[in-house]
Amino acid sequence: MTPPLTAVIPSPAADAAHDAAHTTAARFRQGSYSVLCPECHVPAGVLCLAQRNVHTARRNAYLQNPKTTGLVPLLVARAR
């Protein structure tokens, strides 16, 4: 397992990159962000209320039934 980015490079730039990665995944409903969170009850595509973290229950819900939606269908759907 790789250490968190902030443990390797403790800087504001690393914090911003970490936040941007979570925000991008949530915006495009990728990975765990494609399902709703059973712990904090936020819908799919929204960040968990735990800062910089995905609840374990949300990750497990995604792993039980992963959705395979690519980036192109999401962009085409928004353009219509």
N, C-alpha and C. Protein backbone atom coordinates (compact mmCIF):
# COMPACT_ATOMS: atom_id res chain seq x y z
N MET A 1 0.84 -1.17 0.00
CA MET A 1 0.00 0.00 0.00
C MET A 1 0.88 1.24 0.00
N THR A 2 0.55 2.20 -0.83
CA THR A 2 1.34 3.42 -0.90
C THR A 2 0.90 4.39 0.18
N PRO A 3 1.83 5.16 0.71
CA PRO A 3 1.47 6.13 1.74
C PRO A 3 0.66 7.27 1.13
N PRO A 4 -0.15 7.95 1.94
CA PRO A 4 -0.91 9.10 1.42
C PRO A 4 0.03 10.17 0.88
N LEU A 5 -0.47 10.93 -0.07
CA LEU A 5 0.34 11.95 -0.71
C LEU A 5 0.84 12.98 0.30
N THR A 6 0.01 13.34 1.28
CA THR A 6 0.42 14.35 2.25
C THR A 6 1.52 13.83 3.17
N ALA A 7 1.64 12.51 3.32
CA ALA A 7 2.73 11.96 4.13
C ALA A 7 4.05 12.02 3.37
N VAL A 8 3.97 11.92 2.05
CA VAL A 8 5.18 11.96 1.22
C VAL A 8 5.62 13.40 0.98
N ILE A 9 4.67 14.24 0.60
CA ILE A 9 4.97 15.64 0.31
C ILE A 9 4.04 16.53 1.15
N PRO A 10 4.44 16.86 2.37
CA PRO A 10 3.56 17.69 3.20
C PRO A 10 3.59 19.15 2.74
N SER A 11 2.61 19.52 1.92
CA SER A 11 2.57 20.89 1.44
C SER A 11 1.14 21.26 1.07
N PRO A 12 0.86 22.56 0.97
CA PRO A 12 -0.47 22.98 0.53
C PRO A 12 -0.80 22.49 -0.89
N ALA A 13 0.21 22.34 -1.73
CA ALA A 13 -0.02 21.86 -3.09
C ALA A 13 -0.51 20.41 -3.08
N ALA A 14 0.04 19.59 -2.19
CA ALA A 14 -0.40 18.20 -2.08
C ALA A 14 -1.83 18.14 -1.56
N ASP A 15 -2.17 19.01 -0.62
CA ASP A 15 -3.53 19.06 -0.10
C ASP A 15 -4.51 19.44 -1.20
N ALA A 16 -4.16 20.40 -2.01
CA ALA A 16 -5.03 20.84 -3.11
C ALA A 16 -5.18 19.74 -4.15
N ALA A 17 -4.12 19.02 -4.45
CA ALA A 17 -4.18 17.93 -5.42
C ALA A 17 -5.08 16.80 -4.91
N HIS A 18 -4.99 16.50 -3.63
CA HIS A 18 -5.82 15.47 -3.03
C HIS A 18 -7.29 15.86 -3.08
N ASP A 19 -7.60 17.10 -2.73
CA ASP A 19 -8.98 17.59 -2.79
C ASP A 19 -9.50 17.58 -4.22
N ALA A 20 -8.66 17.97 -5.17
CA ALA A 20 -9.06 18.00 -6.57
C ALA A 20 -9.35 16.59 -7.09
N ALA A 21 -8.59 15.62 -6.67
CA ALA A 21 -8.82 14.24 -7.11
C ALA A 21 -10.17 13.74 -6.61
N HIS A 22 -10.50 14.01 -5.35
CA HIS A 22 -11.80 13.60 -4.81
C HIS A 22 -12.94 14.35 -5.49
N THR A 23 -12.78 15.64 -5.72
CA THR A 23 -13.82 16.44 -6.36
C THR A 23 -14.07 15.98 -7.78
N THR A 24 -13.01 15.67 -8.52
CA THR A 24 -13.16 15.21 -9.89
C THR A 24 -13.87 13.86 -9.94
N ALA A 25 -13.50 12.95 -9.06
CA ALA A 25 -14.15 11.63 -9.02
C ALA A 25 -15.63 11.77 -8.67
N ALA A 26 -15.95 12.66 -7.76
CA ALA A 26 -17.35 12.86 -7.39
C ALA A 26 -18.12 13.51 -8.53
N ARG A 27 -17.53 14.50 -9.18
CA ARG A 27 -18.22 15.21 -10.27
C ARG A 27 -18.60 14.27 -11.41
N PHE A 28 -17.71 13.36 -11.76
CA PHE A 28 -17.97 12.44 -12.86
C PHE A 28 -18.52 11.10 -12.37
N ARG A 29 -18.85 11.01 -11.07
CA ARG A 29 -19.44 9.81 -10.47
C ARG A 29 -18.62 8.57 -10.77
N GLN A 30 -17.33 8.66 -10.46
CA GLN A 30 -16.42 7.55 -10.69
C GLN A 30 -16.14 6.83 -9.39
N GLY A 31 -15.93 5.52 -9.48
CA GLY A 31 -15.57 4.74 -8.31
C GLY A 31 -16.64 4.77 -7.24
N SER A 32 -16.23 4.97 -6.02
CA SER A 32 -17.16 4.96 -4.89
C SER A 32 -18.19 6.09 -4.96
N TYR A 33 -17.89 7.12 -5.71
CA TYR A 33 -18.82 8.24 -5.81
C TYR A 33 -19.98 7.96 -6.76
N SER A 34 -20.04 6.76 -7.35
CA SER A 34 -21.14 6.43 -8.25
C SER A 34 -22.35 5.86 -7.49
N VAL A 35 -22.21 5.65 -6.19
CA VAL A 35 -23.32 5.15 -5.36
C VAL A 35 -23.57 6.11 -4.21
N LEU A 36 -24.77 6.05 -3.63
CA LEU A 36 -25.04 6.92 -2.48
C LEU A 36 -24.34 6.39 -1.24
N CYS A 37 -24.11 7.26 -0.28
CA CYS A 37 -23.39 6.88 0.93
C CYS A 37 -24.40 6.48 2.01
N PRO A 38 -24.35 5.22 2.48
CA PRO A 38 -25.28 4.80 3.52
C PRO A 38 -25.00 5.41 4.89
N GLU A 39 -23.80 5.95 5.11
CA GLU A 39 -23.46 6.50 6.42
C GLU A 39 -23.88 7.96 6.56
N CYS A 40 -23.53 8.81 5.58
CA CYS A 40 -23.88 10.23 5.70
C CYS A 40 -25.05 10.60 4.79
N HIS A 41 -25.60 9.64 4.06
CA HIS A 41 -26.82 9.79 3.26
C HIS A 41 -26.74 10.87 2.19
N VAL A 42 -25.58 11.03 1.58
CA VAL A 42 -25.47 11.95 0.44
C VAL A 42 -25.69 11.15 -0.84
N PRO A 43 -26.27 11.78 -1.87
CA PRO A 43 -26.52 11.04 -3.11
C PRO A 43 -25.24 10.76 -3.89
N ALA A 44 -25.37 9.97 -4.93
CA ALA A 44 -24.24 9.67 -5.80
C ALA A 44 -23.75 10.96 -6.45
N GLY A 45 -22.46 11.09 -6.61
CA GLY A 45 -21.89 12.29 -7.22
C GLY A 45 -21.61 13.41 -6.25
N VAL A 46 -21.80 13.17 -4.97
CA VAL A 46 -21.56 14.19 -3.94
C VAL A 46 -20.50 13.66 -2.98
N LEU A 47 -19.62 14.54 -2.55
CA LEU A 47 -18.58 14.15 -1.60
C LEU A 47 -19.19 13.74 -0.27
N CYS A 48 -18.56 12.78 0.41
CA CYS A 48 -19.00 12.40 1.75
C CYS A 48 -18.78 13.57 2.71
N LEU A 49 -19.53 13.57 3.79
CA LEU A 49 -19.38 14.65 4.76
C LEU A 49 -18.07 14.55 5.53
N ALA A 50 -17.44 13.37 5.53
CA ALA A 50 -16.11 13.23 6.13
C ALA A 50 -15.10 13.86 5.19
N GLN A 51 -14.36 14.82 5.66
CA GLN A 51 -13.44 15.55 4.79
C GLN A 51 -12.31 14.65 4.32
N ARG A 52 -12.07 14.68 3.00
CA ARG A 52 -10.98 13.91 2.37
C ARG A 52 -11.05 12.42 2.66
N ASN A 53 -12.25 11.89 2.67
CA ASN A 53 -12.39 10.48 2.97
C ASN A 53 -13.66 9.96 2.32
N VAL A 54 -13.66 8.70 1.98
CA VAL A 54 -14.86 8.01 1.50
C VAL A 54 -15.20 6.99 2.57
N HIS A 55 -16.46 7.03 3.04
CA HIS A 55 -16.85 6.09 4.07
C HIS A 55 -16.70 4.66 3.58
N THR A 56 -16.34 3.78 4.48
CA THR A 56 -16.13 2.37 4.15
C THR A 56 -17.41 1.73 3.61
N ALA A 57 -18.55 2.10 4.16
CA ALA A 57 -19.82 1.53 3.69
C ALA A 57 -20.08 1.92 2.24
N ARG A 58 -19.72 3.14 1.86
CA ARG A 58 -19.90 3.57 0.48
C ARG A 58 -18.97 2.81 -0.46
N ARG A 59 -17.75 2.64 -0.04
CA ARG A 59 -16.78 1.89 -0.85
C ARG A 59 -17.23 0.44 -1.01
N ASN A 60 -17.74 -0.16 0.07
CA ASN A 60 -18.22 -1.55 0.00
C ASN A 60 -19.45 -1.66 -0.89
N ALA A 61 -20.35 -0.68 -0.85
CA ALA A 61 -21.53 -0.70 -1.72
C ALA A 61 -21.12 -0.65 -3.19
N TYR A 62 -20.10 0.13 -3.50
CA TYR A 62 -19.61 0.21 -4.87
C TYR A 62 -18.96 -1.11 -5.29
N LEU A 63 -18.16 -1.69 -4.42
CA LEU A 63 -17.45 -2.92 -4.76
C LEU A 63 -18.40 -4.10 -4.95
N GLN A 64 -19.57 -4.07 -4.31
CA GLN A 64 -20.54 -5.15 -4.49
C GLN A 64 -21.19 -5.10 -5.86
N ASN A 65 -21.36 -3.90 -6.42
CA ASN A 65 -22.02 -3.76 -7.72
C ASN A 65 -21.38 -2.60 -8.48
N PRO A 66 -20.16 -2.76 -8.98
CA PRO A 66 -19.49 -1.65 -9.66
C PRO A 66 -20.17 -1.31 -10.99
N LYS A 67 -20.28 -0.02 -11.27
CA LYS A 67 -20.84 0.44 -12.53
C LYS A 67 -19.69 0.75 -13.48
N THR A 68 -19.82 0.39 -14.72
CA THR A 68 -18.77 0.64 -15.70
C THR A 68 -19.25 1.68 -16.69
N THR A 69 -19.26 2.93 -16.25
CA THR A 69 -19.64 4.04 -17.12
C THR A 69 -18.37 4.79 -17.47
N GLY A 70 -18.09 4.92 -18.75
CA GLY A 70 -16.91 5.64 -19.17
C GLY A 70 -17.13 7.13 -19.18
N LEU A 71 -16.10 7.87 -19.40
CA LEU A 71 -16.18 9.33 -19.39
C LEU A 71 -16.93 9.86 -20.60
N VAL A 72 -16.80 9.23 -21.76
CA VAL A 72 -17.44 9.74 -22.97
C VAL A 72 -18.96 9.75 -22.85
N PRO A 73 -19.65 8.68 -22.37
CA PRO A 73 -21.09 8.76 -22.24
C PRO A 73 -21.55 9.87 -21.29
N LEU A 74 -20.78 10.13 -20.24
CA LEU A 74 -21.14 11.21 -19.32
C LEU A 74 -21.07 12.56 -20.01
N LEU A 75 -20.04 12.79 -20.82
CA LEU A 75 -19.90 14.06 -21.51
C LEU A 75 -20.96 14.22 -22.58
N VAL A 76 -21.31 13.14 -23.27
CA VAL A 76 -22.33 13.22 -24.31
C VAL A 76 -23.69 13.51 -23.68
N ALA A 77 -23.99 12.90 -22.54
CA ALA A 77 -25.26 13.14 -21.87
C ALA A 77 -25.40 14.58 -21.41
N ARG A 78 -24.33 15.22 -20.99
CA ARG A 78 -24.38 16.62 -20.54
C ARG A 78 -24.54 17.58 -21.71
N ALA A 79 -24.05 17.19 -22.88
CA ALA A 79 -24.11 18.08 -24.03
C ALA A 79 -25.52 18.16 -24.61
N ARG A 80 -26.36 17.17 -24.37
CA ARG A 80 -27.71 17.14 -24.93
C ARG A 80 -28.64 18.08 -24.24
